[in-house]
Amino acid sequence: SANELISSAGIATPPTELIKTFERAKDFTEKNGWPVVLKLSSPEI
């Protein structure tokens, strides 16, 4: 949500998405390349 808000203001952000499976994560790397970073996403952290 924070990324979406910043992007909506015309600010450049790296490609990103939520993932649940390893297959989905691999699809992301095939599309965007290496290296990547994983982050927990929670409004409480």
All heavy atoms as atom14 arrays in JSON, in Angstrom:
{
  "sequence": "SANELISSAGIATPPTELIKTFERAKDFTEKNGWPVVLKLSSPEI",
  "atom14_mask": [
    [1, 1, 1, 1, 1, 1, 0, 0, 0, 0, 0, 0, 0, 0],
    [1, 1, 1, 1, 1, 0, 0, 0, 0, 0, 0, 0, 0, 0],
    [1, 1, 1, 1, 1, 1, 1, 1, 0, 0, 0, 0, 0, 0],
    [1, 1, 1, 1, 1, 1, 1, 1, 1, 0, 0, 0, 0, 0],
    [1, 1, 1, 1, 1, 1, 1, 1, 0, 0, 0, 0, 0, 0],
    [1, 1, 1, 1, 1, 1, 1, 1, 0, 0, 0, 0, 0, 0],
    [1, 1, 1, 1, 1, 1, 0, 0, 0, 0, 0, 0, 0, 0],
    [1, 1, 1, 1, 1, 1, 0, 0, 0, 0, 0, 0, 0, 0],
    [1, 1, 1, 1, 1, 0, 0, 0, 0, 0, 0, 0, 0, 0],
    [1, 1, 1, 1, 0, 0, 0, 0, 0, 0, 0, 0, 0, 0],
    [1, 1, 1, 1, 1, 1, 1, 1, 0, 0, 0, 0, 0, 0],
    [1, 1, 1, 1, 1, 0, 0, 0, 0, 0, 0, 0, 0, 0],
    [1, 1, 1, 1, 1, 1, 1, 0, 0, 0, 0, 0, 0, 0],
    [1, 1, 1, 1, 1, 1, 1, 0, 0, 0, 0, 0, 0, 0],
    [1, 1, 1, 1, 1, 1, 1, 0, 0, 0, 0, 0, 0, 0],
    [1, 1, 1, 1, 1, 1, 1, 0, 0, 0, 0, 0, 0, 0],
    [1, 1, 1, 1, 1, 1, 1, 1, 1, 0, 0, 0, 0, 0],
    [1, 1, 1, 1, 1, 1, 1, 1, 0, 0, 0, 0, 0, 0],
    [1, 1, 1, 1, 1, 1, 1, 1, 0, 0, 0, 0, 0, 0],
    [1, 1, 1, 1, 1, 1, 1, 1, 1, 0, 0, 0, 0, 0],
    [1, 1, 1, 1, 1, 1, 1, 0, 0, 0, 0, 0, 0, 0],
    [1, 1, 1, 1, 1, 1, 1, 1, 1, 1, 1, 0, 0, 0],
    [1, 1, 1, 1, 1, 1, 1, 1, 1, 0, 0, 0, 0, 0],
    [1, 1, 1, 1, 1, 1, 1, 1, 1, 1, 1, 0, 0, 0],
    [1, 1, 1, 1, 1, 0, 0, 0, 0, 0, 0, 0, 0, 0],
    [1, 1, 1, 1, 1, 1, 1, 1, 1, 0, 0, 0, 0, 0],
    [1, 1, 1, 1, 1, 1, 1, 1, 0, 0, 0, 0, 0, 0],
    [1, 1, 1, 1, 1, 1, 1, 1, 1, 1, 1, 0, 0, 0],
    [1, 1, 1, 1, 1, 1, 1, 0, 0, 0, 0, 0, 0, 0],
    [1, 1, 1, 1, 1, 1, 1, 1, 1, 0, 0, 0, 0, 0],
    [1, 1, 1, 1, 1, 1, 1, 1, 1, 0, 0, 0, 0, 0],
    [1, 1, 1, 1, 1, 1, 1, 1, 0, 0, 0, 0, 0, 0],
    [1, 1, 1, 1, 0, 0, 0, 0, 0, 0, 0, 0, 0, 0],
    [1, 1, 1, 1, 1, 1, 1, 1, 1, 1, 1, 1, 1, 1],
    [1, 1, 1, 1, 1, 1, 1, 0, 0, 0, 0, 0, 0, 0],
    [1, 1, 1, 1, 1, 1, 1, 0, 0, 0, 0, 0, 0, 0],
    [1, 1, 1, 1, 1, 1, 1, 0, 0, 0, 0, 0, 0, 0],
    [1, 1, 1, 1, 1, 1, 1, 1, 0, 0, 0, 0, 0, 0],
    [1, 1, 1, 1, 1, 1, 1, 1, 1, 0, 0, 0, 0, 0],
    [1, 1, 1, 1, 1, 1, 1, 1, 0, 0, 0, 0, 0, 0],
    [1, 1, 1, 1, 1, 1, 0, 0, 0, 0, 0, 0, 0, 0],
    [1, 1, 1, 1, 1, 1, 0, 0, 0, 0, 0, 0, 0, 0],
    [1, 1, 1, 1, 1, 1, 1, 0, 0, 0, 0, 0, 0, 0],
    [1, 1, 1, 1, 1, 1, 1, 1, 1, 0, 0, 0, 0, 0],
    [1, 1, 1, 1, 1, 1, 1, 1, 0, 0, 0, 0, 0, 0]
  ],
  "atom14_positions": [
    [[0.84, -1.21, 0.0], [0.0, 0.0, 0.0], [0.87, 1.25, 0.0], [0.58, 2.23, -0.69], [-0.93, 0.0, 1.22], [-1.83, -1.09, 1.17], [0.0, 0.0, 0.0], [0.0, 0.0, 0.0], [0.0, 0.0, 0.0], [0.0, 0.0, 0.0], [0.0, 0.0, 0.0], [0.0, 0.0, 0.0], [0.0, 0.0, 0.0], [0.0, 0.0, 0.0]],
    [[1.95, 1.23, 0.8], [2.86, 2.37, 0.83], [3.53, 2.55, -0.53], [3.66, 3.67, -1.03], [3.92, 2.16, 1.92], [0.0, 0.0, 0.0], [0.0, 0.0, 0.0], [0.0, 0.0, 0.0], [0.0, 0.0, 0.0], [0.0, 0.0, 0.0], [0.0, 0.0, 0.0], [0.0, 0.0, 0.0], [0.0, 0.0, 0.0], [0.0, 0.0, 0.0]],
    [[3.93, 1.45, -1.14], [4.56, 1.5, -2.45], [3.6, 2.07, -3.5], [3.98, 2.88, -4.34], [5.0, 0.1, -2.86], [6.03, 0.1, -3.96], [7.21, 0.29, -3.72], [5.58, -0.1, -5.19], [0.0, 0.0, 0.0], [0.0, 0.0, 0.0], [0.0, 0.0, 0.0], [0.0, 0.0, 0.0], [0.0, 0.0, 0.0], [0.0, 0.0, 0.0]],
    [[2.33, 1.64, -3.41], [1.32, 2.12, -4.36], [1.1, 3.63, -4.21], [0.97, 4.35, -5.2], [0.0, 1.37, -4.13], [-1.11, 1.8, -5.07], [-2.41, 1.08, -4.78], [-2.41, 0.15, -3.93], [-3.43, 1.45, -5.38], [0.0, 0.0, 0.0], [0.0, 0.0, 0.0], [0.0, 0.0, 0.0], [0.0, 0.0, 0.0], [0.0, 0.0, 0.0]],
    [[1.07, 4.1, -2.96], [0.87, 5.52, -2.71], [2.03, 6.34, -3.27], [1.83, 7.37, -3.95], [0.72, 5.77, -1.21], [0.58, 7.23, -0.77], [-0.68, 7.85, -1.36], [0.56, 7.32, 0.75], [0.0, 0.0, 0.0], [0.0, 0.0, 0.0], [0.0, 0.0, 0.0], [0.0, 0.0, 0.0], [0.0, 0.0, 0.0], [0.0, 0.0, 0.0]],
    [[3.25, 5.9, -2.99], [4.43, 6.62, -3.49], [4.46, 6.61, -5.01], [4.74, 7.63, -5.65], [5.71, 5.98, -2.91], [5.78, 6.19, -1.38], [6.95, 6.55, -3.57], [5.9, 7.62, -0.95], [0.0, 0.0, 0.0], [0.0, 0.0, 0.0], [0.0, 0.0, 0.0], [0.0, 0.0, 0.0], [0.0, 0.0, 0.0], [0.0, 0.0, 0.0]],
    [[4.16, 5.47, -5.61], [4.18, 5.36, -7.07], [3.13, 6.27, -7.71], [3.36, 6.85, -8.77], [3.92, 3.91, -7.5], [4.94, 3.06, -7.04], [0.0, 0.0, 0.0], [0.0, 0.0, 0.0], [0.0, 0.0, 0.0], [0.0, 0.0, 0.0], [0.0, 0.0, 0.0], [0.0, 0.0, 0.0], [0.0, 0.0, 0.0], [0.0, 0.0, 0.0]],
    [[1.97, 6.4, -7.04], [0.9, 7.23, -7.6], [1.29, 8.7, -7.67], [0.66, 9.47, -8.39], [-0.37, 7.07, -6.76], [-0.23, 7.69, -5.5], [0.0, 0.0, 0.0], [0.0, 0.0, 0.0], [0.0, 0.0, 0.0], [0.0, 0.0, 0.0], [0.0, 0.0, 0.0], [0.0, 0.0, 0.0], [0.0, 0.0, 0.0], [0.0, 0.0, 0.0]],
    [[2.34, 9.09, -6.93], [2.8, 10.48, -6.96], [3.86, 10.68, -8.04], [4.48, 11.74, -8.1], [3.37, 10.87, -5.6], [0.0, 0.0, 0.0], [0.0, 0.0, 0.0], [0.0, 0.0, 0.0], [0.0, 0.0, 0.0], [0.0, 0.0, 0.0], [0.0, 0.0, 0.0], [0.0, 0.0, 0.0], [0.0, 0.0, 0.0], [0.0, 0.0, 0.0]],
    [[4.08, 9.67, -8.88], [5.06, 9.8, -9.94], [6.49, 9.54, -9.5], [7.43, 9.94, -10.18], [0.0, 0.0, 0.0], [0.0, 0.0, 0.0], [0.0, 0.0, 0.0], [0.0, 0.0, 0.0], [0.0, 0.0, 0.0], [0.0, 0.0, 0.0], [0.0, 0.0, 0.0], [0.0, 0.0, 0.0], [0.0, 0.0, 0.0], [0.0, 0.0, 0.0]],
    [[6.67, 8.86, -8.36], [8.0, 8.56, -7.83], [8.39, 7.14, -8.25], [7.58, 6.21, -8.13], [7.99, 8.68, -6.29], [7.7, 10.14, -5.9], [9.31, 8.22, -5.7], [7.43, 10.33, -4.43], [0.0, 0.0, 0.0], [0.0, 0.0, 0.0], [0.0, 0.0, 0.0], [0.0, 0.0, 0.0], [0.0, 0.0, 0.0], [0.0, 0.0, 0.0]],
    [[9.61, 6.99, -8.73], [10.07, 5.69, -9.22], [10.24, 4.71, -8.07], [10.88, 5.02, -7.06], [11.4, 5.85, -9.96], [0.0, 0.0, 0.0], [0.0, 0.0, 0.0], [0.0, 0.0, 0.0], [0.0, 0.0, 0.0], [0.0, 0.0, 0.0], [0.0, 0.0, 0.0], [0.0, 0.0, 0.0], [0.0, 0.0, 0.0], [0.0, 0.0, 0.0]],
    [[9.69, 3.52, -8.2], [9.87, 2.44, -7.23], [10.27, 1.17, -7.99], [9.84, 0.95, -9.12], [8.57, 2.16, -6.44], [7.53, 1.81, -7.37], [8.14, 3.38, -5.66], [0.0, 0.0, 0.0], [0.0, 0.0, 0.0], [0.0, 0.0, 0.0], [0.0, 0.0, 0.0], [0.0, 0.0, 0.0], [0.0, 0.0, 0.0], [0.0, 0.0, 0.0]],
    [[11.1, 0.32, -7.39], [11.5, -0.92, -8.07], [10.3, -1.85, -8.25], [9.33, -1.8, -7.47], [12.53, -1.53, -7.11], [12.93, -0.43, -6.18], [11.74, 0.47, -6.08], [0.0, 0.0, 0.0], [0.0, 0.0, 0.0], [0.0, 0.0, 0.0], [0.0, 0.0, 0.0], [0.0, 0.0, 0.0], [0.0, 0.0, 0.0], [0.0, 0.0, 0.0]],
    [[10.33, -2.74, -9.25], [9.26, -3.73, -9.4], [9.08, -4.53, -8.11], [10.05, -4.92, -7.46], [9.76, -4.61, -10.55], [10.71, -3.74, -11.31], [11.36, -2.86, -10.29], [0.0, 0.0, 0.0], [0.0, 0.0, 0.0], [0.0, 0.0, 0.0], [0.0, 0.0, 0.0], [0.0, 0.0, 0.0], [0.0, 0.0, 0.0], [0.0, 0.0, 0.0]],
    [[7.83, -4.78, -7.74], [7.55, -5.48, -6.5], [6.18, -6.12, -6.55], [5.32, -5.69, -7.32], [7.64, -4.52, -5.29], [7.57, -5.25, -4.08], [6.52, -3.5, -5.31], [0.0, 0.0, 0.0], [0.0, 0.0, 0.0], [0.0, 0.0, 0.0], [0.0, 0.0, 0.0], [0.0, 0.0, 0.0], [0.0, 0.0, 0.0], [0.0, 0.0, 0.0]],
    [[5.96, -7.16, -5.73], [4.64, -7.76, -5.59], [4.63, -8.67, -4.36], [5.68, -8.99, -3.8], [4.26, -8.55, -6.84], [5.11, -9.79, -7.1], [4.63, -10.55, -8.34], [4.68, -9.99, -9.46], [4.22, -11.72, -8.16], [0.0, 0.0, 0.0], [0.0, 0.0, 0.0], [0.0, 0.0, 0.0], [0.0, 0.0, 0.0], [0.0, 0.0, 0.0]],
    [[3.42, -9.04, -3.93], [3.29, -10.02, -2.86], [3.38, -11.42, -3.44], [2.86, -11.68, -4.53], [1.94, -9.85, -2.14], [1.77, -8.62, -1.25], [0.38, -8.63, -0.62], [2.84, -8.57, -0.17], [0.0, 0.0, 0.0], [0.0, 0.0, 0.0], [0.0, 0.0, 0.0], [0.0, 0.0, 0.0], [0.0, 0.0, 0.0], [0.0, 0.0, 0.0]],
    [[4.02, -12.31, -2.7], [4.13, -13.7, -3.16], [3.75, -14.65, -2.02], [3.91, -14.32, -0.84], [5.57, -14.03, -3.63], [6.58, -13.74, -2.51], [5.9, -13.25, -4.88], [7.96, -14.28, -2.78], [0.0, 0.0, 0.0], [0.0, 0.0, 0.0], [0.0, 0.0, 0.0], [0.0, 0.0, 0.0], [0.0, 0.0, 0.0], [0.0, 0.0, 0.0]],
    [[3.28, -15.81, -2.4], [2.96, -16.84, -1.41], [3.7, -18.15, -1.68], [3.88, -18.96, -0.77], [1.45, -17.1, -1.4], [0.64, -15.92, -0.87], [-0.83, -16.28, -0.76], [-1.63, -15.12, -0.19], [-3.08, -15.44, -0.06], [0.0, 0.0, 0.0], [0.0, 0.0, 0.0], [0.0, 0.0, 0.0], [0.0, 0.0, 0.0], [0.0, 0.0, 0.0]],
    [[4.13, -18.34, -2.91], [4.77, -19.61, -3.26], [6.12, -19.36, -3.92], [6.4, -18.28, -4.46], [3.89, -20.4, -4.25], [3.8, -19.68, -5.49], [2.5, -20.62, -3.67], [0.0, 0.0, 0.0], [0.0, 0.0, 0.0], [0.0, 0.0, 0.0], [0.0, 0.0, 0.0], [0.0, 0.0, 0.0], [0.0, 0.0, 0.0], [0.0, 0.0, 0.0]],
    [[6.94, -20.42, -3.9], [8.25, -20.33, -4.53], [8.11, -20.17, -6.04], [8.87, -19.45, -6.68], [9.05, -21.59, -4.2], [10.39, -21.66, -4.87], [11.35, -20.67, -4.66], [10.7, -22.71, -5.73], [12.58, -20.73, -5.28], [11.93, -22.77, -6.35], [12.88, -21.78, -6.12], [0.0, 0.0, 0.0], [0.0, 0.0, 0.0], [0.0, 0.0, 0.0]],
    [[7.11, -20.81, -6.62], [6.89, -20.72, -8.06], [6.59, -19.28, -8.46], [7.08, -18.79, -9.48], [5.74, -21.64, -8.49], [6.04, -23.11, -8.34], [7.27, -23.52, -9.15], [7.42, -23.02, -10.28], [8.07, -24.33, -8.63], [0.0, 0.0, 0.0], [0.0, 0.0, 0.0], [0.0, 0.0, 0.0], [0.0, 0.0, 0.0], [0.0, 0.0, 0.0]],
    [[5.79, -18.62, -7.65], [5.45, -17.22, -7.94], [6.7, -16.33, -7.82], [6.9, -15.41, -8.61], [4.36, -16.74, -6.98], [3.85, -15.35, -7.26], [3.13, -15.3, -8.59], [2.64, -13.97, -8.87], [2.15, -13.59, -10.05], [2.11, -14.45, -11.07], [1.7, -12.36, -10.23], [0.0, 0.0, 0.0], [0.0, 0.0, 0.0], [0.0, 0.0, 0.0]],
    [[7.54, -16.66, -6.85], [8.77, -15.89, -6.67], [9.71, -16.08, -7.87], [10.35, -15.13, -8.33], [9.47, -16.32, -5.38], [0.0, 0.0, 0.0], [0.0, 0.0, 0.0], [0.0, 0.0, 0.0], [0.0, 0.0, 0.0], [0.0, 0.0, 0.0], [0.0, 0.0, 0.0], [0.0, 0.0, 0.0], [0.0, 0.0, 0.0], [0.0, 0.0, 0.0]],
    [[9.78, -17.33, -8.38], [10.62, -17.59, -9.56], [10.1, -16.83, -10.78], [10.9, -16.3, -11.56], [10.67, -19.09, -9.86], [11.56, -19.88, -8.94], [11.97, -21.22, -9.56], [10.74, -22.05, -9.94], [11.14, -23.35, -10.53], [0.0, 0.0, 0.0], [0.0, 0.0, 0.0], [0.0, 0.0, 0.0], [0.0, 0.0, 0.0], [0.0, 0.0, 0.0]],
    [[8.8, -16.8, -10.93], [8.21, -16.05, -12.05], [8.63, -14.57, -11.99], [8.93, -13.95, -13.02], [6.69, -16.14, -12.01], [6.19, -17.55, -12.35], [6.98, -18.33, -12.92], [5.03, -17.86, -12.03], [0.0, 0.0, 0.0], [0.0, 0.0, 0.0], [0.0, 0.0, 0.0], [0.0, 0.0, 0.0], [0.0, 0.0, 0.0], [0.0, 0.0, 0.0]],
    [[8.66, -14.05, -10.78], [9.04, -12.65, -10.61], [10.49, -12.42, -11.05], [10.8, -11.46, -11.76], [8.86, -12.23, -9.14], [9.24, -10.79, -8.87], [8.32, -9.77, -9.0], [10.54, -10.46, -8.48], [8.67, -8.44, -8.74], [10.91, -9.15, -8.22], [9.97, -8.14, -8.36], [0.0, 0.0, 0.0], [0.0, 0.0, 0.0], [0.0, 0.0, 0.0]],
    [[11.39, -13.34, -10.67], [12.8, -13.17, -11.02], [13.03, -13.35, -12.51], [13.9, -12.7, -13.1], [13.69, -14.14, -10.24], [13.3, -15.49, -10.53], [13.57, -13.89, -8.75], [0.0, 0.0, 0.0], [0.0, 0.0, 0.0], [0.0, 0.0, 0.0], [0.0, 0.0, 0.0], [0.0, 0.0, 0.0], [0.0, 0.0, 0.0], [0.0, 0.0, 0.0]],
    [[12.27, -14.25, -13.12], [12.4, -14.43, -14.57], [12.0, -13.17, -15.32], [12.55, -12.83, -16.37], [11.55, -15.62, -15.03], [12.11, -16.96, -14.56], [11.17, -18.11, -14.88], [10.11, -17.85, -15.52], [11.47, -19.25, -14.49], [0.0, 0.0, 0.0], [0.0, 0.0, 0.0], [0.0, 0.0, 0.0], [0.0, 0.0, 0.0], [0.0, 0.0, 0.0]],
    [[11.04, -12.45, -14.76], [10.54, -11.24, -15.41], [11.43, -10.03, -15.11], [11.67, -9.19, -16.0], [9.12, -10.96, -14.92], [8.49, -9.71, -15.53], [7.07, -9.52, -15.0], [6.44, -8.25, -15.56], [5.06, -8.05, -15.03], [0.0, 0.0, 0.0], [0.0, 0.0, 0.0], [0.0, 0.0, 0.0], [0.0, 0.0, 0.0], [0.0, 0.0, 0.0]],
    [[11.98, -9.96, -13.89], [12.67, -8.74, -13.46], [14.16, -8.92, -13.22], [14.89, -7.94, -13.08], [12.03, -8.2, -12.17], [10.58, -7.8, -12.38], [10.29, -6.8, -13.03], [9.66, -8.6, -11.84], [0.0, 0.0, 0.0], [0.0, 0.0, 0.0], [0.0, 0.0, 0.0], [0.0, 0.0, 0.0], [0.0, 0.0, 0.0], [0.0, 0.0, 0.0]],
    [[14.63, -10.18, -13.15], [16.05, -10.43, -12.99], [16.49, -10.45, -11.53], [15.73, -10.23, -10.62], [0.0, 0.0, 0.0], [0.0, 0.0, 0.0], [0.0, 0.0, 0.0], [0.0, 0.0, 0.0], [0.0, 0.0, 0.0], [0.0, 0.0, 0.0], [0.0, 0.0, 0.0], [0.0, 0.0, 0.0], [0.0, 0.0, 0.0], [0.0, 0.0, 0.0]],
    [[17.8, -10.76, -11.36], [18.43, -10.81, -10.04], [19.26, -9.54, -9.86], [19.63, -8.91, -10.85], [19.32, -12.05, -9.92], [18.64, -13.35, -10.19], [18.59, -14.02, -11.38], [17.91, -14.16, -9.25], [17.89, -15.19, -11.27], [17.46, -15.31, -9.96], [17.6, -14.04, -7.9], [16.71, -16.31, -9.36], [16.88, -15.05, -7.31], [16.43, -16.16, -8.02]],
    [[19.64, -9.24, -8.62], [19.22, -9.83, -7.34], [17.86, -9.3, -6.9], [17.36, -8.33, -7.46], [20.33, -9.37, -6.38], [20.8, -8.07, -6.95], [20.67, -8.2, -8.43], [0.0, 0.0, 0.0], [0.0, 0.0, 0.0], [0.0, 0.0, 0.0], [0.0, 0.0, 0.0], [0.0, 0.0, 0.0], [0.0, 0.0, 0.0], [0.0, 0.0, 0.0]],
    [[17.3, -9.97, -5.88], [16.02, -9.54, -5.32], [16.14, -9.48, -3.8], [17.11, -9.96, -3.21], [14.87, -10.48, -5.73], [14.65, -10.44, -7.23], [15.13, -11.9, -5.24], [0.0, 0.0, 0.0], [0.0, 0.0, 0.0], [0.0, 0.0, 0.0], [0.0, 0.0, 0.0], [0.0, 0.0, 0.0], [0.0, 0.0, 0.0], [0.0, 0.0, 0.0]],
    [[15.13, -8.91, -3.18], [15.06, -8.84, -1.72], [13.67, -9.29, -1.29], [12.69, -9.06, -1.99], [15.36, -7.4, -1.22], [14.41, -6.4, -1.85], [15.27, -7.31, 0.29], [0.0, 0.0, 0.0], [0.0, 0.0, 0.0], [0.0, 0.0, 0.0], [0.0, 0.0, 0.0], [0.0, 0.0, 0.0], [0.0, 0.0, 0.0], [0.0, 0.0, 0.0]],
    [[13.61, -9.97, -0.15], [12.33, -10.36, 0.44], [12.09, -9.54, 1.7], [13.01, -9.31, 2.49], [12.31, -11.85, 0.8], [12.36, -12.86, -0.34], [12.2, -14.28, 0.21], [11.3, -12.59, -1.39], [0.0, 0.0, 0.0], [0.0, 0.0, 0.0], [0.0, 0.0, 0.0], [0.0, 0.0, 0.0], [0.0, 0.0, 0.0], [0.0, 0.0, 0.0]],
    [[10.84, -9.11, 1.89], [10.48, -8.32, 3.07], [9.14, -8.79, 3.62], [8.24, -9.15, 2.84], [10.35, -6.82, 2.7], [11.56, -6.21, 2.06], [11.27, -4.76, 1.67], [12.44, -4.13, 0.94], [12.15, -2.73, 0.53], [0.0, 0.0, 0.0], [0.0, 0.0, 0.0], [0.0, 0.0, 0.0], [0.0, 0.0, 0.0], [0.0, 0.0, 0.0]],
    [[9.03, -8.77, 4.94], [7.72, -8.97, 5.55], [6.89, -7.72, 5.32], [7.39, -6.6, 5.37], [7.85, -9.23, 7.06], [8.52, -10.53, 7.48], [8.6, -10.61, 9.0], [7.77, -11.74, 6.93], [0.0, 0.0, 0.0], [0.0, 0.0, 0.0], [0.0, 0.0, 0.0], [0.0, 0.0, 0.0], [0.0, 0.0, 0.0], [0.0, 0.0, 0.0]],
    [[5.6, -7.93, 5.07], [4.7, -6.81, 4.83], [3.56, -6.86, 5.84], [2.73, -7.77, 5.81], [4.14, -6.86, 3.4], [3.22, -5.81, 3.18], [0.0, 0.0, 0.0], [0.0, 0.0, 0.0], [0.0, 0.0, 0.0], [0.0, 0.0, 0.0], [0.0, 0.0, 0.0], [0.0, 0.0, 0.0], [0.0, 0.0, 0.0], [0.0, 0.0, 0.0]],
    [[3.57, -5.89, 6.76], [2.52, -5.83, 7.79], [2.38, -4.4, 8.28], [3.39, -3.71, 8.5], [2.87, -6.74, 8.97], [1.98, -6.51, 10.06], [0.0, 0.0, 0.0], [0.0, 0.0, 0.0], [0.0, 0.0, 0.0], [0.0, 0.0, 0.0], [0.0, 0.0, 0.0], [0.0, 0.0, 0.0], [0.0, 0.0, 0.0], [0.0, 0.0, 0.0]],
    [[1.15, -3.92, 8.48], [0.96, -2.56, 9.02], [1.44, -2.42, 10.46], [1.56, -1.31, 10.95], [-0.56, -2.34, 8.9], [-1.14, -3.71, 8.88], [-0.15, -4.57, 8.18], [0.0, 0.0, 0.0], [0.0, 0.0, 0.0], [0.0, 0.0, 0.0], [0.0, 0.0, 0.0], [0.0, 0.0, 0.0], [0.0, 0.0, 0.0], [0.0, 0.0, 0.0]],
    [[1.71, -3.54, 11.12], [2.16, -3.49, 12.51], [3.68, -3.48, 12.64], [4.21, -3.34, 13.73], [1.58, -4.67, 13.29], [0.06, -4.65, 13.4], [-0.45, -3.38, 14.06], [0.09, -3.0, 15.12], [-1.36, -2.74, 13.5], [0.0, 0.0, 0.0], [0.0, 0.0, 0.0], [0.0, 0.0, 0.0], [0.0, 0.0, 0.0], [0.0, 0.0, 0.0]],
    [[4.38, -3.67, 11.52], [5.84, -3.67, 11.56], [6.34, -2.48, 10.77], [6.29, -2.47, 9.53], [6.43, -4.98, 10.99], [5.91, -6.19, 11.77], [7.95, -4.94, 11.04], [6.4, -7.51, 11.23], [0.0, 0.0, 0.0], [0.0, 0.0, 0.0], [0.0, 0.0, 0.0], [0.0, 0.0, 0.0], [0.0, 0.0, 0.0], [0.0, 0.0, 0.0]]
  ]
}
